[in-house]
Amino acid sequence: MSESTTSSPGKLTRTLVGRVVSNKMNKTVTVLVERKVQHPLYGKFLIRSKKYHAHDETNQYNEGDTVEIAETRPISKTKAWTVVKLLEAARII
């Protein structure tokens, strides 16, 4: 999806946009972040993805939601990101 840095007084925070793929853990969601990279020789665009565990204090995000996550101090062994805001709720069919 995307990566950006926001500048606040004296500190840069990395933010990513991704889709929630799991919310089975307590106060934690798994966010899938996809990015497009161009093959160095052939020029074809490839989709690379990575999953991040992000802190969700109120357990309010569900599978399929598009969220923005920000880098924070390590909260646990695998969790060093927190959900900042909901960009788009999942569509129910």
C-alpha atoms as a PDB file:
ATOM      1  CA  MET A   1       0.000   0.000   0.000  1.00  0.00           C
ATOM      2  CA  SER A   2       2.242   2.870   1.077  1.00  0.00           C
ATOM      3  CA  GLU A   3       4.938   4.114   3.405  1.00  0.00           C
ATOM      4  CA  SER A   4       5.550   7.652   4.599  1.00  0.00           C
ATOM      5  CA  THR A   5       7.195   9.611   7.349  1.00  0.00           C
ATOM      6  CA  THR A   6       5.511  12.348   9.315  1.00  0.00           C
ATOM      7  CA  SER A   7       7.515  15.097  10.924  1.00  0.00           C
ATOM      8  CA  SER A   8       6.702  16.307  14.382  1.00  0.00           C
ATOM      9  CA  PRO A   9       8.942  18.454  16.569  1.00  0.00           C
ATOM     10  CA  GLY A  10      12.214  16.517  16.822  1.00  0.00           C
ATOM     11  CA  LYS A  11      10.908  13.082  15.898  1.00  0.00           C
ATOM     12  CA  LEU A  12      10.166  11.187  12.668  1.00  0.00           C
ATOM     13  CA  THR A  13       7.552   8.431  12.752  1.00  0.00           C
ATOM     14  CA  ARG A  14       7.277   5.770  10.077  1.00  0.00           C
ATOM     15  CA  THR A  15       3.715   5.044   8.994  1.00  0.00           C
ATOM     16  CA  LEU A  16       2.371   2.317   6.733  1.00  0.00           C
ATOM     17  CA  VAL A  17      -1.046   1.640   5.214  1.00  0.00           C
ATOM     18  CA  GLY A  18      -2.323  -1.920   5.075  1.00  0.00           C
ATOM     19  CA  ARG A  19      -5.234  -4.310   5.446  1.00  0.00           C
ATOM     20  CA  VAL A  20      -6.163  -6.163   8.648  1.00  0.00           C
ATOM     21  CA  VAL A  21      -5.959  -9.909   7.977  1.00  0.00           C
ATOM     22  CA  SER A  22      -6.379 -11.197  11.536  1.00  0.00           C
ATOM     23  CA  ASN A  23      -7.854  -9.890  14.780  1.00  0.00           C
ATOM     24  CA  LYS A  24      -7.913 -13.129  16.771  1.00  0.00           C
ATOM     25  CA  MET A  25      -5.395 -11.956  19.379  1.00  0.00           C
ATOM     26  CA  ASN A  26      -6.317  -9.765  22.323  1.00  0.00           C
ATOM     27  CA  LYS A  27      -5.374  -6.091  21.692  1.00  0.00           C
ATOM     28  CA  THR A  28      -3.398  -7.071  18.573  1.00  0.00           C
ATOM     29  CA  VAL A  29      -4.180  -7.101  14.853  1.00  0.00           C
ATOM     30  CA  THR A  30      -2.126  -8.474  11.990  1.00  0.00           C
ATOM     31  CA  VAL A  31      -1.777  -5.960   9.146  1.00  0.00           C
ATOM     32  CA  LEU A  32      -0.710  -6.966   5.623  1.00  0.00           C
ATOM     33  CA  VAL A  33       1.237  -4.200   3.856  1.00  0.00           C
ATOM     34  CA  GLU A  34       1.750  -4.569   0.100  1.00  0.00           C
ATOM     35  CA  ARG A  35       4.160  -2.573  -2.054  1.00  0.00           C
ATOM     36  CA  LYS A  36       5.078  -2.631  -5.735  1.00  0.00           C
ATOM     37  CA  VAL A  37       8.718  -2.997  -6.783  1.00  0.00           C
ATOM     38  CA  GLN A  38      10.102  -3.021 -10.284  1.00  0.00           C
ATOM     39  CA  HIS A  39      12.223  -5.972 -11.412  1.00  0.00           C
ATOM     40  CA  PRO A  40      15.768  -4.696 -12.002  1.00  0.00           C
ATOM     41  CA  LEU A  41      16.274  -6.431 -15.357  1.00  0.00           C
ATOM     42  CA  TYR A  42      12.840  -7.038 -16.880  1.00  0.00           C
ATOM     43  CA  GLY A  43      11.007  -3.985 -15.589  1.00  0.00           C
ATOM     44  CA  LYS A  44       7.874  -5.875 -14.555  1.00  0.00           C
ATOM     45  CA  PHE A  45       6.201  -4.614 -11.378  1.00  0.00           C
ATOM     46  CA  LEU A  46       6.045  -7.236  -8.636  1.00  0.00           C
ATOM     47  CA  ILE A  47       3.948  -7.123  -5.478  1.00  0.00           C
ATOM     48  CA  ARG A  48       5.903  -7.657  -2.271  1.00  0.00           C
ATOM     49  CA  SER A  49       4.059  -8.023   1.017  1.00  0.00           C
ATOM     50  CA  LYS A  50       4.863  -8.198   4.704  1.00  0.00           C
ATOM     51  CA  LYS A  51       2.767  -8.751   7.822  1.00  0.00           C
ATOM     52  CA  TYR A  52       3.094  -6.594  10.920  1.00  0.00           C
ATOM     53  CA  HIS A  53       1.588  -7.105  14.370  1.00  0.00           C
ATOM     54  CA  ALA A  54       0.046  -3.839  15.546  1.00  0.00           C
ATOM     55  CA  HIS A  55      -1.366  -2.786  18.907  1.00  0.00           C
ATOM     56  CA  ASP A  56      -5.150  -2.250  19.011  1.00  0.00           C
ATOM     57  CA  GLU A  57      -6.056  -1.164  22.551  1.00  0.00           C
ATOM     58  CA  THR A  58      -9.856  -1.337  22.163  1.00  0.00           C
ATOM     59  CA  ASN A  59     -10.164  -4.350  19.812  1.00  0.00           C
ATOM     60  CA  GLN A  60     -12.190  -2.200  17.393  1.00  0.00           C
ATOM     61  CA  TYR A  61     -10.627  -3.188  14.048  1.00  0.00           C
ATOM     62  CA  ASN A  62     -11.956  -6.159  12.074  1.00  0.00           C
ATOM     63  CA  GLU A  63     -10.666  -8.281   9.215  1.00  0.00           C
ATOM     64  CA  GLY A  64     -10.723  -6.432   5.910  1.00  0.00           C
ATOM     65  CA  ASP A  65     -10.385  -2.930   7.373  1.00  0.00           C
ATOM     66  CA  THR A  66      -7.788  -0.642   5.803  1.00  0.00           C
ATOM     67  CA  VAL A  67      -5.760   0.999   8.566  1.00  0.00           C
ATOM     68  CA  GLU A  68      -2.733   3.204   9.071  1.00  0.00           C
ATOM     69  CA  ILE A  69      -0.077   1.913  11.483  1.00  0.00           C
ATOM     70  CA  ALA A  70       2.809   3.823  13.068  1.00  0.00           C
ATOM     71  CA  GLU A  71       6.111   2.595  14.454  1.00  0.00           C
ATOM     72  CA  THR A  72       6.451   2.744  18.254  1.00  0.00           C
ATOM     73  CA  ARG A  73       8.636   1.351  20.989  1.00  0.00           C
ATOM     74  CA  PRO A  74       8.609  -2.468  21.260  1.00  0.00           C
ATOM     75  CA  ILE A  75       5.451  -3.579  23.067  1.00  0.00           C
ATOM     76  CA  SER A  76       6.194  -7.317  22.921  1.00  0.00           C
ATOM     77  CA  LYS A  77       8.548  -9.704  21.149  1.00  0.00           C
ATOM     78  CA  THR A  78       6.826  -9.288  17.767  1.00  0.00           C
ATOM     79  CA  LYS A  79       4.827  -6.074  18.223  1.00  0.00           C
ATOM     80  CA  ALA A  80       6.414  -2.655  17.628  1.00  0.00           C
ATOM     81  CA  TRP A  81       3.610  -0.924  15.678  1.00  0.00           C
ATOM     82  CA  THR A  82       0.318   0.647  16.746  1.00  0.00           C
ATOM     83  CA  VAL A  83      -2.852   1.343  14.762  1.00  0.00           C
ATOM     84  CA  VAL A  84      -3.256   5.086  14.257  1.00  0.00           C
ATOM     85  CA  LYS A  85      -6.568   5.366  12.389  1.00  0.00           C
ATOM     86  CA  LEU A  86      -9.147   3.561  10.306  1.00  0.00           C
ATOM     87  CA  LEU A  87      -9.023   4.584   6.662  1.00  0.00           C
ATOM     88  CA  GLU A  88     -11.764   2.343   5.248  1.00  0.00           C
ATOM     89  CA  ALA A  89     -14.035  -0.165   6.939  1.00  0.00           C
ATOM     90  CA  ALA A  90     -14.468  -3.635   5.453  1.00  0.00           C
ATOM     91  CA  ARG A  91     -17.347  -4.009   3.017  1.00  0.00           C
ATOM     92  CA  ILE A  92     -19.861  -6.660   4.065  1.00  0.00           C
ATOM     93  CA  ILE A  93     -21.321  -8.584   1.149  1.00  0.00           C
END
